[in-house]
C-alpha atoms as a PDB file:
ATOM      1  CA  MET A   1     -10.683  20.295  22.954  1.00  0.00           C
ATOM      2  CA  SER A   2     -12.839  17.395  22.049  1.00  0.00           C
ATOM      3  CA  SER A   3     -12.043  15.344  19.353  1.00  0.00           C
ATOM      4  CA  PHE A   4     -14.722  14.368  16.348  1.00  0.00           C
ATOM      5  CA  ILE A   5     -13.468  10.795  16.506  1.00  0.00           C
ATOM      6  CA  HIS A   6     -12.663   9.227  19.920  1.00  0.00           C
ATOM      7  CA  PRO A   7      -8.734   8.924  20.176  1.00  0.00           C
ATOM      8  CA  ASP A   8      -9.099   5.299  20.456  1.00  0.00           C
ATOM      9  CA  ARG A   9     -11.054   4.614  17.261  1.00  0.00           C
ATOM     10  CA  LYS A  10      -8.942   6.584  14.694  1.00  0.00           C
ATOM     11  CA  THR A  11      -6.397   3.779  14.315  1.00  0.00           C
ATOM     12  CA  ASP A  12      -9.336   2.007  13.277  1.00  0.00           C
ATOM     13  CA  LEU A  13     -10.728   4.555  10.668  1.00  0.00           C
ATOM     14  CA  LEU A  14      -7.186   4.332   9.087  1.00  0.00           C
ATOM     15  CA  ARG A  15      -6.856   0.549   9.013  1.00  0.00           C
ATOM     16  CA  VAL A  16     -10.687   0.107   7.533  1.00  0.00           C
ATOM     17  CA  SER A  17     -10.459   3.005   5.327  1.00  0.00           C
ATOM     18  CA  ILE A  18      -7.048   1.509   3.762  1.00  0.00           C
ATOM     19  CA  GLY A  19      -8.571  -2.031   3.802  1.00  0.00           C
ATOM     20  CA  VAL A  20     -11.367  -0.377   1.932  1.00  0.00           C
ATOM     21  CA  VAL A  21      -9.024   0.858  -0.579  1.00  0.00           C
ATOM     22  CA  TYR A  22      -6.884  -2.264  -0.862  1.00  0.00           C
ATOM     23  CA  LEU A  23     -10.165  -4.303  -1.309  1.00  0.00           C
ATOM     24  CA  TRP A  24     -11.727  -2.274  -4.281  1.00  0.00           C
ATOM     25  CA  PHE A  25      -8.247  -1.363  -6.342  1.00  0.00           C
ATOM     26  CA  GLY A  26      -7.337  -5.164  -6.017  1.00  0.00           C
ATOM     27  CA  GLY A  27     -11.114  -6.284  -6.587  1.00  0.00           C
ATOM     28  CA  LEU A  28     -10.688  -4.225  -9.930  1.00  0.00           C
ATOM     29  CA  LYS A  29      -7.806  -6.045 -11.296  1.00  0.00           C
ATOM     30  CA  PHE A  30      -9.419  -9.148 -11.321  1.00  0.00           C
ATOM     31  CA  PHE A  31     -11.960  -7.711 -14.293  1.00  0.00           C
ATOM     32  CA  ALA A  32      -9.742  -7.035 -17.434  1.00  0.00           C
ATOM     33  CA  GLY A  33     -10.023  -2.836 -18.352  1.00  0.00           C
ATOM     34  CA  LEU A  34     -11.484  -2.045 -15.231  1.00  0.00           C
ATOM     35  CA  SER A  35      -8.471  -0.871 -13.330  1.00  0.00           C
ATOM     36  CA  PRO A  36      -7.109   2.893 -14.444  1.00  0.00           C
ATOM     37  CA  ALA A  37      -3.506   1.359 -13.290  1.00  0.00           C
ATOM     38  CA  GLU A  38      -3.696  -1.863 -15.298  1.00  0.00           C
ATOM     39  CA  SER A  39      -1.267  -1.122 -17.913  1.00  0.00           C
ATOM     40  CA  LEU A  40       0.990   0.472 -15.810  1.00  0.00           C
ATOM     41  CA  ALA A  41       1.327  -2.472 -13.246  1.00  0.00           C
ATOM     42  CA  THR A  42       1.498  -4.969 -15.917  1.00  0.00           C
ATOM     43  CA  GLU A  43       4.042  -2.840 -17.389  1.00  0.00           C
ATOM     44  CA  THR A  44       6.249  -2.330 -14.543  1.00  0.00           C
ATOM     45  CA  LEU A  45       5.617  -6.116 -13.119  1.00  0.00           C
ATOM     46  CA  ALA A  46       6.791  -7.061 -16.539  1.00  0.00           C
ATOM     47  CA  ARG A  47      10.107  -5.187 -16.351  1.00  0.00           C
ATOM     48  CA  LEU A  48      10.389  -6.026 -12.686  1.00  0.00           C
ATOM     49  CA  SER A  49      10.321  -9.817 -13.222  1.00  0.00           C
ATOM     50  CA  PHE A  50      12.745  -9.000 -16.106  1.00  0.00           C
ATOM     51  CA  GLY A  51      10.033 -10.609 -18.729  1.00  0.00           C
ATOM     52  CA  LEU A  52      10.379 -14.143 -16.916  1.00  0.00           C
ATOM     53  CA  ILE A  53       6.776 -13.870 -15.615  1.00  0.00           C
ATOM     54  CA  PRO A  54       4.037 -12.942 -18.050  1.00  0.00           C
ATOM     55  CA  GLY A  55       2.425  -9.828 -17.543  1.00  0.00           C
ATOM     56  CA  HIS A  56      -1.027 -11.431 -16.685  1.00  0.00           C
ATOM     57  CA  ILE A  57       0.224 -13.518 -14.111  1.00  0.00           C
ATOM     58  CA  CYS A  58       1.966 -10.586 -12.271  1.00  0.00           C
ATOM     59  CA  TYR A  59      -1.256  -8.602 -12.537  1.00  0.00           C
ATOM     60  CA  LEU A  60      -3.393 -11.419 -11.114  1.00  0.00           C
ATOM     61  CA  SER A  61      -0.952 -11.753  -8.807  1.00  0.00           C
ATOM     62  CA  LEU A  62      -0.902  -8.641  -7.579  1.00  0.00           C
ATOM     63  CA  ALA A  63      -4.816  -8.144  -7.738  1.00  0.00           C
ATOM     64  CA  PHE A  64      -4.836 -11.234  -5.017  1.00  0.00           C
ATOM     65  CA  GLY A  65      -2.035  -9.802  -3.029  1.00  0.00           C
ATOM     66  CA  GLU A  66      -3.862  -6.437  -2.912  1.00  0.00           C
ATOM     67  CA  THR A  67      -7.267  -8.083  -2.104  1.00  0.00           C
ATOM     68  CA  PHE A  68      -5.535 -10.141   0.628  1.00  0.00           C
ATOM     69  CA  ILE A  69      -4.231  -6.992   2.295  1.00  0.00           C
ATOM     70  CA  GLY A  70      -7.654  -5.626   2.185  1.00  0.00           C
ATOM     71  CA  VAL A  71      -9.524  -8.394   3.967  1.00  0.00           C
ATOM     72  CA  LEU A  72      -7.094  -8.489   6.555  1.00  0.00           C
ATOM     73  CA  LEU A  73      -7.244  -4.885   7.320  1.00  0.00           C
ATOM     74  CA  VAL A  74     -10.935  -4.704   7.465  1.00  0.00           C
ATOM     75  CA  VAL A  75     -11.887  -8.002   9.636  1.00  0.00           C
ATOM     76  CA  ASN A  76      -8.585  -7.240  11.785  1.00  0.00           C
ATOM     77  CA  ARG A  77      -6.639  -9.720  11.548  1.00  0.00           C
ATOM     78  CA  MET A  78      -3.135 -10.552  10.857  1.00  0.00           C
ATOM     79  CA  VAL A  79      -2.823  -6.956  10.821  1.00  0.00           C
ATOM     80  CA  ARG A  80       0.799  -6.550  11.838  1.00  0.00           C
ATOM     81  CA  VAL A  81       1.514  -9.152   8.593  1.00  0.00           C
ATOM     82  CA  ALA A  82      -1.095  -7.193   6.303  1.00  0.00           C
ATOM     83  CA  VAL A  83       0.739  -3.949   6.967  1.00  0.00           C
ATOM     84  CA  MET A  84       4.028  -5.297   6.164  1.00  0.00           C
ATOM     85  CA  ALA A  85       2.784  -6.434   2.611  1.00  0.00           C
ATOM     86  CA  ALA A  86       1.271  -3.304   2.270  1.00  0.00           C
ATOM     87  CA  ILE A  87       4.303  -1.529   2.872  1.00  0.00           C
ATOM     88  CA  VAL A  88       6.448  -3.962   0.955  1.00  0.00           C
ATOM     89  CA  HIS A  89       3.455  -3.330  -1.707  1.00  0.00           C
ATOM     90  CA  MET A  90       4.000   0.417  -1.767  1.00  0.00           C
ATOM     91  CA  LEU A  91       7.357   0.636  -1.960  1.00  0.00           C
ATOM     92  CA  GLY A  92       6.874  -1.486  -5.412  1.00  0.00           C
ATOM     93  CA  THR A  93       4.234   1.163  -6.377  1.00  0.00           C
ATOM     94  CA  PHE A  94       7.303   3.643  -6.721  1.00  0.00           C
ATOM     95  CA  THR A  95       9.120   1.685  -8.653  1.00  0.00           C
ATOM     96  CA  PRO A  96       7.476   3.377 -12.036  1.00  0.00           C
ATOM     97  CA  ILE A  97       9.129   6.671 -11.079  1.00  0.00           C
ATOM     98  CA  LEU A  98      12.494   4.779 -11.881  1.00  0.00           C
ATOM     99  CA  LEU A  99      11.258   2.537 -14.550  1.00  0.00           C
ATOM    100  CA  LEU A 100       8.858   4.631 -16.498  1.00  0.00           C
ATOM    101  CA  PRO A 101       9.982   8.015 -15.907  1.00  0.00           C
ATOM    102  CA  GLN A 102       8.193   9.249 -19.187  1.00  0.00           C
ATOM    103  CA  VAL A 103       4.742   8.008 -17.872  1.00  0.00           C
ATOM    104  CA  CYS A 104       5.174   9.751 -14.737  1.00  0.00           C
ATOM    105  CA  PHE A 105       6.827  13.217 -15.648  1.00  0.00           C
ATOM    106  CA  ASN A 106       5.877  15.954 -17.873  1.00  0.00           C
ATOM    107  CA  GLU A 107       9.120  17.800 -17.333  1.00  0.00           C
ATOM    108  CA  PRO A 108      11.241  15.647 -14.942  1.00  0.00           C
ATOM    109  CA  PRO A 109      11.526  15.950 -11.675  1.00  0.00           C
ATOM    110  CA  PHE A 110       8.515  18.381 -10.648  1.00  0.00           C
ATOM    111  CA  ALA A 111       6.043  18.506 -13.351  1.00  0.00           C
ATOM    112  CA  ILE A 112       4.330  14.903 -12.809  1.00  0.00           C
ATOM    113  CA  THR A 113       1.132  13.258 -14.888  1.00  0.00           C
ATOM    114  CA  LEU A 114      -1.669  12.154 -13.463  1.00  0.00           C
ATOM    115  CA  VAL A 115       0.064   9.005 -13.290  1.00  0.00           C
ATOM    116  CA  GLY A 116       2.999  10.421 -11.228  1.00  0.00           C
ATOM    117  CA  GLN A 117       0.087  12.022  -8.889  1.00  0.00           C
ATOM    118  CA  TYR A 118      -1.487   8.454  -8.587  1.00  0.00           C
ATOM    119  CA  ILE A 119       1.836   7.188  -7.531  1.00  0.00           C
ATOM    120  CA  VAL A 120       3.252  10.295  -4.967  1.00  0.00           C
ATOM    121  CA  LYS A 121      -0.252  10.194  -3.322  1.00  0.00           C
ATOM    122  CA  ASN A 122       0.725   6.857  -1.758  1.00  0.00           C
ATOM    123  CA  ILE A 123       3.208   8.697   0.662  1.00  0.00           C
ATOM    124  CA  VAL A 124       0.220   9.171   2.665  1.00  0.00           C
ATOM    125  CA  ILE A 125      -1.026   5.661   2.473  1.00  0.00           C
ATOM    126  CA  VAL A 126       2.634   4.868   3.572  1.00  0.00           C
ATOM    127  CA  SER A 127       2.331   7.477   6.685  1.00  0.00           C
ATOM    128  CA  ALA A 128      -1.141   5.639   7.627  1.00  0.00           C
ATOM    129  CA  LEU A 129       0.097   2.594   7.394  1.00  0.00           C
ATOM    130  CA  LEU A 130       3.051   3.307  10.104  1.00  0.00           C
ATOM    131  CA  VAL A 131       0.415   4.679  12.442  1.00  0.00           C
ATOM    132  CA  ILE A 132      -1.758   1.593  12.183  1.00  0.00           C
ATOM    133  CA  TYR A 133       1.603  -0.724  12.634  1.00  0.00           C
ATOM    134  CA  PRO A 134       0.591  -2.589  16.118  1.00  0.00           C
ATOM    135  CA  PHE A 135       3.366  -2.444  18.032  1.00  0.00           C
ATOM    136  CA  GLU A 136       3.473  -4.769  20.861  1.00  0.00           C
ATOM    137  CA  PRO A 137       4.311  -3.058  23.939  1.00  0.00           C
ATOM    138  CA  PRO A 138       7.518  -5.065  26.110  1.00  0.00           C
ATOM    139  CA  HIS A 139       6.537  -7.952  28.179  1.00  0.00           C
ATOM    140  CA  PRO A 140       6.324  -7.027  32.276  1.00  0.00           C
ATOM    141  CA  GLY A 141       8.833  -9.132  32.764  1.00  0.00           C
ATOM    142  CA  LYS A 142      11.381  -8.192  30.215  1.00  0.00           C
ATOM    143  CA  LYS A 143      14.266  -6.104  30.450  1.00  0.00           C
ATOM    144  CA  THR A 144      14.697  -3.416  28.275  1.00  0.00           C
ATOM    145  CA  ASN A 145      17.299  -0.257  27.744  1.00  0.00           C
ATOM    146  CA  ILE A 146      14.311   2.409  28.138  1.00  0.00           C
ATOM    147  CA  LYS A 147      14.932   4.113  31.571  1.00  0.00           C
ATOM    148  CA  LYS A 148      11.891   5.735  33.254  1.00  0.00           C
ATOM    149  CA  PRO A 149      12.297   9.456  33.907  1.00  0.00           C
END
């Protein structure tokens, strides 16, 4: 059975699509009131920084970080760094479930709000990031513990 997308291009498609999402969501954060996640992100970041860093500084840093990740993924540069940064970012996106459960759940732990759904869908992005992570094959002269059948 033939695939609609050439197998060599599937990870490119995932990489670029995740990059576009990061660019789009990060770009919205540069303009006050455009991102639907603005209040959630600002409140979460304020709590994570124990109030030591002003919310707008944290939020602007998030905008730069997301946009930078998006650019790297779209232009296919430093993909390993971008994927690792995105995974760390994604782990951070789950923190409102612990820090702000009243915003994420109607009836904990299963009846989630729209905000909760916005967060939980990131499981798919994490999985896609793991798929596009560029693992390097072992060097030809390097010894490995892998036995060939």
